[in-house]
Amino acid sequence: HWARDRTRGATLPLEFVIAKQTRDTALSYGLTDRGVLAPGMR
């Protein structure tokens, strides 16, 4: 909806919404080993 299909207003960048559901949620609970695709991460 937010990064592709919305018609009744502005959309949001795909990179932004994925960060909100991965890195940001992980860090909010101290899960520092996940949420990002980078060497050393789960």
PDB file of all heavy atoms in Angstrom:
ATOM      1  N   HIS A   1       0.829  -1.215   0.000  1.00  0.00           N
ATOM      2  CA  HIS A   1       0.000   0.000   0.000  1.00  0.00           C
ATOM      3  C   HIS A   1       0.857   1.256   0.000  1.00  0.00           C
ATOM      4  O   HIS A   1       0.668   2.139  -0.852  1.00  0.00           O
ATOM      5  CB  HIS A   1      -0.921   0.004   1.216  1.00  0.00           C
ATOM      6  CG  HIS A   1      -1.881   1.157   1.233  1.00  0.00           C
ATOM      7  ND1 HIS A   1      -3.011   1.182   0.458  1.00  0.00           N
ATOM      8  CD2 HIS A   1      -1.873   2.339   1.921  1.00  0.00           C
ATOM      9  CE1 HIS A   1      -3.662   2.319   0.663  1.00  0.00           C
ATOM     10  NE2 HIS A   1      -2.993   3.037   1.552  1.00  0.00           N
ATOM     11  N   TRP A   2       1.783   1.330   0.935  1.00  0.00           N
ATOM     12  CA  TRP A   2       2.500   2.583   1.123  1.00  0.00           C
ATOM     13  C   TRP A   2       3.626   2.800   0.136  1.00  0.00           C
ATOM     14  O   TRP A   2       3.956   3.956  -0.177  1.00  0.00           O
ATOM     15  CB  TRP A   2       3.019   2.661   2.559  1.00  0.00           C
ATOM     16  CG  TRP A   2       1.904   2.878   3.528  1.00  0.00           C
ATOM     17  CD1 TRP A   2       1.367   1.986   4.399  1.00  0.00           C
ATOM     18  CD2 TRP A   2       1.141   4.083   3.700  1.00  0.00           C
ATOM     19  NE1 TRP A   2       0.324   2.550   5.100  1.00  0.00           N
ATOM     20  CE2 TRP A   2       0.171   3.843   4.690  1.00  0.00           C
ATOM     21  CE3 TRP A   2       1.188   5.344   3.091  1.00  0.00           C
ATOM     22  CZ2 TRP A   2      -0.739   4.815   5.105  1.00  0.00           C
ATOM     23  CZ3 TRP A   2       0.285   6.316   3.500  1.00  0.00           C
ATOM     24  CH2 TRP A   2      -0.665   6.053   4.497  1.00  0.00           C
ATOM     25  N   ALA A   3       4.215   1.746  -0.381  1.00  0.00           N
ATOM     26  CA  ALA A   3       5.337   1.927  -1.317  1.00  0.00           C
ATOM     27  C   ALA A   3       4.964   1.646  -2.765  1.00  0.00           C
ATOM     28  O   ALA A   3       5.797   1.815  -3.650  1.00  0.00           O
ATOM     29  CB  ALA A   3       6.499   1.022  -0.908  1.00  0.00           C
ATOM     30  N   ARG A   4       3.692   1.259  -3.026  1.00  0.00           N
ATOM     31  CA  ARG A   4       3.360   0.879  -4.406  1.00  0.00           C
ATOM     32  C   ARG A   4       1.960   1.276  -4.842  1.00  0.00           C
ATOM     33  O   ARG A   4       1.802   1.898  -5.904  1.00  0.00           O
ATOM     34  CB  ARG A   4       3.532  -0.652  -4.558  1.00  0.00           C
ATOM     35  CG  ARG A   4       3.491  -1.160  -5.987  1.00  0.00           C
ATOM     36  CD  ARG A   4       3.485  -2.679  -6.017  1.00  0.00           C
ATOM     37  NE  ARG A   4       2.229  -3.244  -5.511  1.00  0.00           N
ATOM     38  CZ  ARG A   4       2.050  -4.530  -5.226  1.00  0.00           C
ATOM     39  NH1 ARG A   4       3.068  -5.382  -5.344  1.00  0.00           N
ATOM     40  NH2 ARG A   4       0.877  -4.958  -4.799  1.00  0.00           N
ATOM     41  N   ASP A   5       0.928   0.961  -4.076  1.00  0.00           N
ATOM     42  CA  ASP A   5      -0.438   0.958  -4.606  1.00  0.00           C
ATOM     43  C   ASP A   5      -1.310   2.130  -4.185  1.00  0.00           C
ATOM     44  O   ASP A   5      -2.396   2.303  -4.737  1.00  0.00           O
ATOM     45  CB  ASP A   5      -1.161  -0.331  -4.181  1.00  0.00           C
ATOM     46  CG  ASP A   5      -0.532  -1.576  -4.764  1.00  0.00           C
ATOM     47  OD1 ASP A   5       0.201  -1.465  -5.761  1.00  0.00           O
ATOM     48  OD2 ASP A   5      -0.771  -2.676  -4.212  1.00  0.00           O
ATOM     49  N   ARG A   6      -0.890   2.931  -3.247  1.00  0.00           N
ATOM     50  CA  ARG A   6      -1.797   3.941  -2.697  1.00  0.00           C
ATOM     51  C   ARG A   6      -2.221   4.948  -3.764  1.00  0.00           C
ATOM     52  O   ARG A   6      -1.397   5.441  -4.541  1.00  0.00           O
ATOM     53  CB  ARG A   6      -1.144   4.676  -1.532  1.00  0.00           C
ATOM     54  CG  ARG A   6      -2.133   5.557  -0.771  1.00  0.00           C
ATOM     55  CD  ARG A   6      -1.512   6.173   0.468  1.00  0.00           C
ATOM     56  NE  ARG A   6      -2.547   6.831   1.270  1.00  0.00           N
ATOM     57  CZ  ARG A   6      -2.448   8.069   1.716  1.00  0.00           C
ATOM     58  NH1 ARG A   6      -1.370   8.797   1.471  1.00  0.00           N
ATOM     59  NH2 ARG A   6      -3.439   8.595   2.429  1.00  0.00           N
ATOM     60  N   THR A   7      -3.530   5.278  -3.786  1.00  0.00           N
ATOM     61  CA  THR A   7      -4.076   6.227  -4.760  1.00  0.00           C
ATOM     62  C   THR A   7      -4.700   7.454  -4.109  1.00  0.00           C
ATOM     63  O   THR A   7      -4.948   8.449  -4.792  1.00  0.00           O
ATOM     64  CB  THR A   7      -5.150   5.550  -5.641  1.00  0.00           C
ATOM     65  OG1 THR A   7      -6.212   5.060  -4.809  1.00  0.00           O
ATOM     66  CG2 THR A   7      -4.550   4.397  -6.435  1.00  0.00           C
ATOM     67  N   ARG A   8      -4.966   7.407  -2.810  1.00  0.00           N
ATOM     68  CA  ARG A   8      -5.663   8.509  -2.140  1.00  0.00           C
ATOM     69  C   ARG A   8      -4.702   9.410  -1.368  1.00  0.00           C
ATOM     70  O   ARG A   8      -5.063  10.005  -0.363  1.00  0.00           O
ATOM     71  CB  ARG A   8      -6.747   7.965  -1.203  1.00  0.00           C
ATOM     72  CG  ARG A   8      -7.852   7.200  -1.911  1.00  0.00           C
ATOM     73  CD  ARG A   8      -8.992   6.890  -0.957  1.00  0.00           C
ATOM     74  NE  ARG A   8      -9.577   8.099  -0.420  1.00  0.00           N
ATOM     75  CZ  ARG A   8     -10.114   8.199   0.796  1.00  0.00           C
ATOM     76  NH1 ARG A   8     -10.137   7.136   1.594  1.00  0.00           N
ATOM     77  NH2 ARG A   8     -10.631   9.340   1.220  1.00  0.00           N
ATOM     78  N   GLY A   9      -3.481   9.532  -1.848  1.00  0.00           N
ATOM     79  CA  GLY A   9      -2.497  10.379  -1.191  1.00  0.00           C
ATOM     80  C   GLY A   9      -1.095   9.906  -1.509  1.00  0.00           C
ATOM     81  O   GLY A   9      -0.880   9.002  -2.321  1.00  0.00           O
ATOM     82  N   ALA A  10      -0.129  10.532  -0.855  1.00  0.00           N
ATOM     83  CA  ALA A  10       1.278  10.256  -1.137  1.00  0.00           C
ATOM     84  C   ALA A  10       1.665   8.848  -0.704  1.00  0.00           C
ATOM     85  O   ALA A  10       1.131   8.298   0.261  1.00  0.00           O
ATOM     86  CB  ALA A  10       2.153  11.278  -0.427  1.00  0.00           C
ATOM     87  N   THR A  11       2.608   8.274  -1.433  1.00  0.00           N
ATOM     88  CA  THR A  11       3.213   7.006  -1.051  1.00  0.00           C
ATOM     89  C   THR A  11       4.494   7.285  -0.264  1.00  0.00           C
ATOM     90  O   THR A  11       4.875   8.439  -0.043  1.00  0.00           O
ATOM     91  CB  THR A  11       3.526   6.152  -2.278  1.00  0.00           C
ATOM     92  OG1 THR A  11       4.372   6.896  -3.167  1.00  0.00           O
ATOM     93  CG2 THR A  11       2.241   5.767  -3.018  1.00  0.00           C
ATOM     94  N   LEU A  12       5.156   6.234   0.170  1.00  0.00           N
ATOM     95  CA  LEU A  12       6.400   6.350   0.919  1.00  0.00           C
ATOM     96  C   LEU A  12       7.475   5.516   0.230  1.00  0.00           C
ATOM     97  O   LEU A  12       7.182   4.499  -0.398  1.00  0.00           O
ATOM     98  CB  LEU A  12       6.206   5.852   2.355  1.00  0.00           C
ATOM     99  CG  LEU A  12       5.198   6.631   3.202  1.00  0.00           C
ATOM    100  CD1 LEU A  12       4.918   5.890   4.509  1.00  0.00           C
ATOM    101  CD2 LEU A  12       5.707   8.030   3.494  1.00  0.00           C
ATOM    102  N   PRO A  13       8.741   5.918   0.347  1.00  0.00           N
ATOM    103  CA  PRO A  13       9.818   5.156  -0.307  1.00  0.00           C
ATOM    104  C   PRO A  13       9.904   3.732   0.242  1.00  0.00           C
ATOM    105  O   PRO A  13       9.791   3.510   1.452  1.00  0.00           O
ATOM    106  CB  PRO A  13      11.080   5.955   0.029  1.00  0.00           C
ATOM    107  CG  PRO A  13      10.597   7.333   0.365  1.00  0.00           C
ATOM    108  CD  PRO A  13       9.251   7.137   1.003  1.00  0.00           C
ATOM    109  N   LEU A  14      10.118   2.791  -0.652  1.00  0.00           N
ATOM    110  CA  LEU A  14      10.222   1.391  -0.246  1.00  0.00           C
ATOM    111  C   LEU A  14      11.346   1.200   0.772  1.00  0.00           C
ATOM    112  O   LEU A  14      11.182   0.464   1.760  1.00  0.00           O
ATOM    113  CB  LEU A  14      10.469   0.519  -1.481  1.00  0.00           C
ATOM    114  CG  LEU A  14      10.616  -0.984  -1.227  1.00  0.00           C
ATOM    115  CD1 LEU A  14       9.328  -1.560  -0.653  1.00  0.00           C
ATOM    116  CD2 LEU A  14      10.997  -1.706  -2.522  1.00  0.00           C
ATOM    117  N   GLU A  15      12.487   1.830   0.531  1.00  0.00           N
ATOM    118  CA  GLU A  15      13.615   1.680   1.446  1.00  0.00           C
ATOM    119  C   GLU A  15      13.250   2.153   2.860  1.00  0.00           C
ATOM    120  O   GLU A  15      13.664   1.566   3.854  1.00  0.00           O
ATOM    121  CB  GLU A  15      14.817   2.474   0.939  1.00  0.00           C
ATOM    122  CG  GLU A  15      15.398   1.946  -0.358  1.00  0.00           C
ATOM    123  CD  GLU A  15      14.728   2.502  -1.614  1.00  0.00           C
ATOM    124  OE1 GLU A  15      13.635   3.114  -1.491  1.00  0.00           O
ATOM    125  OE2 GLU A  15      15.290   2.332  -2.698  1.00  0.00           O
ATOM    126  N   PHE A  16      12.462   3.220   2.923  1.00  0.00           N
ATOM    127  CA  PHE A  16      12.055   3.781   4.211  1.00  0.00           C
ATOM    128  C   PHE A  16      11.139   2.830   4.964  1.00  0.00           C
ATOM    129  O   PHE A  16      11.337   2.565   6.159  1.00  0.00           O
ATOM    130  CB  PHE A  16      11.360   5.127   3.986  1.00  0.00           C
ATOM    131  CG  PHE A  16      10.740   5.713   5.216  1.00  0.00           C
ATOM    132  CD1 PHE A  16      11.526   6.342   6.170  1.00  0.00           C
ATOM    133  CD2 PHE A  16       9.368   5.650   5.425  1.00  0.00           C
ATOM    134  CE1 PHE A  16      10.963   6.884   7.319  1.00  0.00           C
ATOM    135  CE2 PHE A  16       8.794   6.189   6.558  1.00  0.00           C
ATOM    136  CZ  PHE A  16       9.600   6.809   7.510  1.00  0.00           C
ATOM    137  N   VAL A  17      10.120   2.290   4.301  1.00  0.00           N
ATOM    138  CA  VAL A  17       9.161   1.444   5.021  1.00  0.00           C
ATOM    139  C   VAL A  17       9.801   0.132   5.437  1.00  0.00           C
ATOM    140  O   VAL A  17       9.465  -0.427   6.494  1.00  0.00           O
ATOM    141  CB  VAL A  17       7.868   1.214   4.207  1.00  0.00           C
ATOM    142  CG1 VAL A  17       7.162   2.529   3.948  1.00  0.00           C
ATOM    143  CG2 VAL A  17       8.110   0.465   2.923  1.00  0.00           C
ATOM    144  N   ILE A  18      10.726  -0.383   4.642  1.00  0.00           N
ATOM    145  CA  ILE A  18      11.398  -1.626   5.038  1.00  0.00           C
ATOM    146  C   ILE A  18      12.299  -1.377   6.244  1.00  0.00           C
ATOM    147  O   ILE A  18      12.343  -2.192   7.177  1.00  0.00           O
ATOM    148  CB  ILE A  18      12.165  -2.228   3.854  1.00  0.00           C
ATOM    149  CG1 ILE A  18      11.163  -2.846   2.866  1.00  0.00           C
ATOM    150  CG2 ILE A  18      13.183  -3.272   4.321  1.00  0.00           C
ATOM    151  CD1 ILE A  18      11.766  -3.407   1.619  1.00  0.00           C
ATOM    152  N   ALA A  19      12.979  -0.250   6.287  1.00  0.00           N
ATOM    153  CA  ALA A  19      13.792   0.083   7.466  1.00  0.00           C
ATOM    154  C   ALA A  19      12.914   0.186   8.714  1.00  0.00           C
ATOM    155  O   ALA A  19      13.313  -0.243   9.805  1.00  0.00           O
ATOM    156  CB  ALA A  19      14.556   1.378   7.238  1.00  0.00           C
ATOM    157  N   LYS A  20      11.702   0.731   8.556  1.00  0.00           N
ATOM    158  CA  LYS A  20      10.806   0.875   9.701  1.00  0.00           C
ATOM    159  C   LYS A  20      10.402  -0.480  10.280  1.00  0.00           C
ATOM    160  O   LYS A  20      10.145  -0.585  11.484  1.00  0.00           O
ATOM    161  CB  LYS A  20       9.532   1.635   9.301  1.00  0.00           C
ATOM    162  CG  LYS A  20       9.728   3.073   8.905  1.00  0.00           C
ATOM    163  CD  LYS A  20      10.017   3.998  10.086  1.00  0.00           C
ATOM    164  CE  LYS A  20       8.802   4.347  10.881  1.00  0.00           C
ATOM    165  NZ  LYS A  20       9.046   5.483  11.820  1.00  0.00           N
ATOM    166  N   GLN A  21      10.332  -1.523   9.429  1.00  0.00           N
ATOM    167  CA  GLN A  21       9.855  -2.837   9.861  1.00  0.00           C
ATOM    168  C   GLN A  21      11.006  -3.806  10.149  1.00  0.00           C
ATOM    169  O   GLN A  21      10.769  -4.935  10.565  1.00  0.00           O
ATOM    170  CB  GLN A  21       8.931  -3.432   8.803  1.00  0.00           C
ATOM    171  CG  GLN A  21       8.161  -4.677   9.215  1.00  0.00           C
ATOM    172  CD  GLN A  21       7.088  -4.423  10.256  1.00  0.00           C
ATOM    173  OE1 GLN A  21       6.089  -3.774   9.977  1.00  0.00           O
ATOM    174  NE2 GLN A  21       7.289  -4.917  11.470  1.00  0.00           N
ATOM    175  N   THR A  22      12.240  -3.354   9.985  1.00  0.00           N
ATOM    176  CA  THR A  22      13.381  -4.255  10.183  1.00  0.00           C
ATOM    177  C   THR A  22      14.369  -3.658  11.184  1.00  0.00           C
ATOM    178  O   THR A  22      14.289  -3.928  12.378  1.00  0.00           O
ATOM    179  CB  THR A  22      14.063  -4.573   8.841  1.00  0.00           C
ATOM    180  OG1 THR A  22      14.437  -3.349   8.159  1.00  0.00           O
ATOM    181  CG2 THR A  22      13.147  -5.372   7.937  1.00  0.00           C
ATOM    182  N   ARG A  23      15.259  -2.799  10.711  1.00  0.00           N
ATOM    183  CA  ARG A  23      16.262  -2.217  11.617  1.00  0.00           C
ATOM    184  C   ARG A  23      15.609  -1.490  12.786  1.00  0.00           C
ATOM    185  O   ARG A  23      15.998  -1.678  13.954  1.00  0.00           O
ATOM    186  CB  ARG A  23      17.153  -1.234  10.847  1.00  0.00           C
ATOM    187  CG  ARG A  23      18.194  -0.525  11.719  1.00  0.00           C
ATOM    188  CD  ARG A  23      18.756   0.698  11.033  1.00  0.00           C
ATOM    189  NE  ARG A  23      17.703   1.685  10.744  1.00  0.00           N
ATOM    190  CZ  ARG A  23      17.902   2.779  10.019  1.00  0.00           C
ATOM    191  NH1 ARG A  23      19.105   3.013   9.501  1.00  0.00           N
ATOM    192  NH2 ARG A  23      16.911   3.636   9.806  1.00  0.00           N
ATOM    193  N   ASP A  24      14.609  -0.646  12.486  1.00  0.00           N
ATOM    194  CA  ASP A  24      14.049   0.210  13.534  1.00  0.00           C
ATOM    195  C   ASP A  24      13.321  -0.602  14.608  1.00  0.00           C
ATOM    196  O   ASP A  24      13.466  -0.333  15.800  1.00  0.00           O
ATOM    197  CB  ASP A  24      13.102   1.241  12.923  1.00  0.00           C
ATOM    198  CG  ASP A  24      13.823   2.246  12.040  1.00  0.00           C
ATOM    199  OD1 ASP A  24      15.065   2.146  11.910  1.00  0.00           O
ATOM    200  OD2 ASP A  24      13.153   3.127  11.469  1.00  0.00           O
ATOM    201  N   THR A  25      12.522  -1.576  14.194  1.00  0.00           N
ATOM    202  CA  THR A  25      11.827  -2.396  15.186  1.00  0.00           C
ATOM    203  C   THR A  25      12.810  -3.263  15.961  1.00  0.00           C
ATOM    204  O   THR A  25      12.659  -3.450  17.171  1.00  0.00           O
ATOM    205  CB  THR A  25      10.758  -3.281  14.518  1.00  0.00           C
ATOM    206  OG1 THR A  25      11.294  -3.865  13.323  1.00  0.00           O
ATOM    207  CG2 THR A  25       9.523  -2.458  14.155  1.00  0.00           C
ATOM    208  N   ALA A  26      13.818  -3.780  15.280  1.00  0.00           N
ATOM    209  CA  ALA A  26      14.817  -4.607  15.972  1.00  0.00           C
ATOM    210  C   ALA A  26      15.546  -3.790  17.036  1.00  0.00           C
ATOM    211  O   ALA A  26      15.678  -4.220  18.193  1.00  0.00           O
ATOM    212  CB  ALA A  26      15.803  -5.189  14.968  1.00  0.00           C
ATOM    213  N   LEU A  27      16.004  -2.616  16.668  1.00  0.00           N
ATOM    214  CA  LEU A  27      16.757  -1.800  17.625  1.00  0.00           C
ATOM    215  C   LEU A  27      15.890  -1.342  18.782  1.00  0.00           C
ATOM    216  O   LEU A  27      16.385  -1.158  19.899  1.00  0.00           O
ATOM    217  CB  LEU A  27      17.371  -0.591  16.916  1.00  0.00           C
ATOM    218  CG  LEU A  27      18.502  -0.894  15.936  1.00  0.00           C
ATOM    219  CD1 LEU A  27      18.998   0.381  15.276  1.00  0.00           C
ATOM    220  CD2 LEU A  27      19.661  -1.619  16.639  1.00  0.00           C
ATOM    221  N   SER A  28      14.600  -1.155  18.551  1.00  0.00           N
ATOM    222  CA  SER A  28      13.727  -0.687  19.626  1.00  0.00           C
ATOM    223  C   SER A  28      13.647  -1.702  20.764  1.00  0.00           C
ATOM    224  O   SER A  28      13.302  -1.333  21.890  1.00  0.00           O
ATOM    225  CB  SER A  28      12.325  -0.384  19.078  1.00  0.00           C
ATOM    226  OG  SER A  28      11.607  -1.576  18.785  1.00  0.00           O
ATOM    227  N   TYR A  29      13.969  -2.963  20.494  1.00  0.00           N
ATOM    228  CA  TYR A  29      13.992  -3.999  21.524  1.00  0.00           C
ATOM    229  C   TYR A  29      15.394  -4.559  21.754  1.00  0.00           C
ATOM    230  O   TYR A  29      15.553  -5.659  22.284  1.00  0.00           O
ATOM    231  CB  TYR A  29      12.999  -5.110  21.192  1.00  0.00           C
ATOM    232  CG  TYR A  29      11.651  -4.845  21.829  1.00  0.00           C
ATOM    233  CD1 TYR A  29      10.754  -3.971  21.241  1.00  0.00           C
ATOM    234  CD2 TYR A  29      11.306  -5.410  23.046  1.00  0.00           C
ATOM    235  CE1 TYR A  29       9.540  -3.679  21.837  1.00  0.00           C
ATOM    236  CE2 TYR A  29      10.100  -5.134  23.661  1.00  0.00           C
ATOM    237  CZ  TYR A  29       9.219  -4.262  23.047  1.00  0.00           C
ATOM    238  OH  TYR A  29       8.019  -3.961  23.654  1.00  0.00           O
ATOM    239  N   GLY A  30      16.389  -3.807  21.346  1.00  0.00           N
ATOM    240  CA  GLY A  30      17.758  -4.219  21.616  1.00  0.00           C
ATOM    241  C   GLY A  30      18.218  -5.426  20.840  1.00  0.00           C
ATOM    242  O   GLY A  30      19.192  -6.085  21.227  1.00  0.00           O
ATOM    243  N   LEU A  31      17.529  -5.732  19.734  1.00  0.00           N
ATOM    244  CA  LEU A  31      17.898  -6.887  18.908  1.00  0.00           C
ATOM    245  C   LEU A  31      18.913  -6.427  17.863  1.00  0.00           C
ATOM    246  O   LEU A  31      18.610  -6.244  16.683  1.00  0.00           O
ATOM    247  CB  LEU A  31      16.650  -7.477  18.249  1.00  0.00           C
ATOM    248  CG  LEU A  31      15.596  -7.998  19.244  1.00  0.00           C
ATOM    249  CD1 LEU A  31      14.277  -8.267  18.539  1.00  0.00           C
ATOM    250  CD2 LEU A  31      16.091  -9.257  19.947  1.00  0.00           C
ATOM    251  N   THR A  32      20.120  -6.235  18.305  1.00  0.00           N
ATOM    252  CA  THR A  32      21.137  -5.607  17.462  1.00  0.00           C
ATOM    253  C   THR A  32      21.766  -6.563  16.454  1.00  0.00           C
ATOM    254  O   THR A  32      22.566  -6.135  15.617  1.00  0.00           O
ATOM    255  CB  THR A  32      22.257  -5.022  18.343  1.00  0.00           C
ATOM    256  OG1 THR A  32      22.808  -6.064  19.170  1.00  0.00           O
ATOM    257  CG2 THR A  32      21.701  -3.920  19.238  1.00  0.00           C
ATOM    258  N   ASP A  33      21.394  -7.842  16.512  1.00  0.00           N
ATOM    259  CA  ASP A  33      22.008  -8.822  15.615  1.00  0.00           C
ATOM    260  C   ASP A  33      21.175  -9.079  14.372  1.00  0.00           C
ATOM    261  O   ASP A  33      21.512  -9.952  13.567  1.00  0.00           O
ATOM    262  CB  ASP A  33      22.234 -10.147  16.343  1.00  0.00           C
ATOM    263  CG  ASP A  33      20.931 -10.793  16.812  1.00  0.00           C
ATOM    264  OD1 ASP A  33      19.900 -10.088  16.870  1.00  0.00           O
ATOM    265  OD2 ASP A  33      20.940 -12.004  17.133  1.00  0.00           O
ATOM    266  N   ARG A  34      20.085  -8.341  14.171  1.00  0.00           N
ATOM    267  CA  ARG A  34      19.171  -8.603  13.046  1.00  0.00           C
ATOM    268  C   ARG A  34      18.573  -7.296  12.553  1.00  0.00           C
ATOM    269  O   ARG A  34      18.750  -6.243  13.151  1.00  0.00           O
ATOM    270  CB  ARG A  34      18.079  -9.580  13.483  1.00  0.00           C
ATOM    271  CG  ARG A  34      17.139  -9.044  14.543  1.00  0.00           C
ATOM    272  CD  ARG A  34      16.393 -10.154  15.262  1.00  0.00           C
ATOM    273  NE  ARG A  34      17.297 -10.980  16.057  1.00  0.00           N
ATOM    274  CZ  ARG A  34      17.047 -12.218  16.443  1.00  0.00           C
ATOM    275  NH1 ARG A  34      15.900 -12.786  16.132  1.00  0.00           N
ATOM    276  NH2 ARG A  34      17.916 -12.911  17.163  1.00  0.00           N
ATOM    277  N   GLY A  35      17.852  -7.386  11.428  1.00  0.00           N
ATOM    278  CA  GLY A  35      17.168  -6.207  10.899  1.00  0.00           C
ATOM    279  C   GLY A  35      17.911  -5.487   9.805  1.00  0.00           C
ATOM    280  O   GLY A  35      17.377  -4.547   9.203  1.00  0.00           O
ATOM    281  N   VAL A  36      19.146  -5.908   9.511  1.00  0.00           N
ATOM    282  CA  VAL A  36      19.957  -5.290   8.456  1.00  0.00           C
ATOM    283  C   VAL A  36      20.686  -6.409   7.706  1.00  0.00           C
ATOM    284  O   VAL A  36      21.166  -7.361   8.319  1.00  0.00           O
ATOM    285  CB  VAL A  36      20.985  -4.299   9.049  1.00  0.00           C
ATOM    286  CG1 VAL A  36      21.946  -3.805   7.981  1.00  0.00           C
ATOM    287  CG2 VAL A  36      20.278  -3.114   9.700  1.00  0.00           C
ATOM    288  N   LEU A  37      20.743  -6.267   6.387  1.00  0.00           N
ATOM    289  CA  LEU A  37      21.542  -7.198   5.577  1.00  0.00           C
ATOM    290  C   LEU A  37      22.954  -6.639   5.463  1.00  0.00           C
ATOM    291  O   LEU A  37      23.229  -5.745   4.671  1.00  0.00           O
ATOM    292  CB  LEU A  37      20.915  -7.369   4.195  1.00  0.00           C
ATOM    293  CG  LEU A  37      19.574  -8.110   4.143  1.00  0.00           C
ATOM    294  CD1 LEU A  37      19.089  -8.221   2.697  1.00  0.00           C
ATOM    295  CD2 LEU A  37      19.687  -9.501   4.765  1.00  0.00           C
ATOM    296  N   ALA A  38      23.836  -7.166   6.300  1.00  0.00           N
ATOM    297  CA  ALA A  38      25.230  -6.731   6.320  1.00  0.00           C
ATOM    298  C   ALA A  38      26.061  -7.859   6.907  1.00  0.00           C
ATOM    299  O   ALA A  38      25.555  -8.674   7.687  1.00  0.00           O
ATOM    300  CB  ALA A  38      25.399  -5.459   7.152  1.00  0.00           C
ATOM    301  N   PRO A  39      27.339  -7.944   6.544  1.00  0.00           N
ATOM    302  CA  PRO A  39      28.189  -8.997   7.105  1.00  0.00           C
ATOM    303  C   PRO A  39      28.179  -8.986   8.625  1.00  0.00           C
ATOM    304  O   PRO A  39      28.250  -7.935   9.267  1.00  0.00           O
ATOM    305  CB  PRO A  39      29.578  -8.649   6.552  1.00  0.00           C
ATOM    306  CG  PRO A  39      29.294  -7.942   5.267  1.00  0.00           C
ATOM    307  CD  PRO A  39      28.050  -7.137   5.530  1.00  0.00           C
ATOM    308  N   GLY A  40      28.015 -10.184   9.202  1.00  0.00           N
ATOM    309  CA  GLY A  40      27.986 -10.342  10.644  1.00  0.00           C
ATOM    310  C   GLY A  40      26.589 -10.360  11.245  1.00  0.00           C
ATOM    311  O   GLY A  40      26.429 -10.709  12.414  1.00  0.00           O
ATOM    312  N   MET A  41      25.588 -10.002  10.449  1.00  0.00           N
ATOM    313  CA  MET A  41      24.215 -10.002  10.952  1.00  0.00           C
ATOM    314  C   MET A  41      23.555 -11.355  10.690  1.00  0.00           C
ATOM    315  O   MET A  41      23.958 -12.107   9.793  1.00  0.00           O
ATOM    316  CB  MET A  41      23.409  -8.888  10.279  1.00  0.00           C
ATOM    317  CG  MET A  41      23.975  -7.492  10.486  1.00  0.00           C
ATOM    318  SD  MET A  41      23.925  -6.956  12.207  1.00  0.00           S
ATOM    319  CE  MET A  41      22.224  -6.424  12.333  1.00  0.00           C
ATOM    320  N   ARG A  42      22.528 -11.655  11.491  1.00  0.00           N
ATOM    321  CA  ARG A  42      21.786 -12.896  11.294  1.00  0.00           C
ATOM    322  C   ARG A  42      21.205 -12.956   9.885  1.00  0.00           C
ATOM    323  O   ARG A  42      20.729 -11.944   9.343  1.00  0.00           O
ATOM    324  CB  ARG A  42      20.645 -12.998  12.299  1.00  0.00           C
ATOM    325  CG  ARG A  42      21.018 -13.637  13.614  1.00  0.00           C
ATOM    326  CD  ARG A  42      19.841 -13.582  14.560  1.00  0.00           C
ATOM    327  NE  ARG A  42      18.664 -14.232  13.989  1.00  0.00           N
ATOM    328  CZ  ARG A  42      18.294 -15.475  14.264  1.00  0.00           C
ATOM    329  NH1 ARG A  42      19.019 -16.225  15.056  1.00  0.00           N
ATOM    330  NH2 ARG A  42      17.197 -15.983  13.744  1.00  0.00           N
TER     331      ARG A  42
END
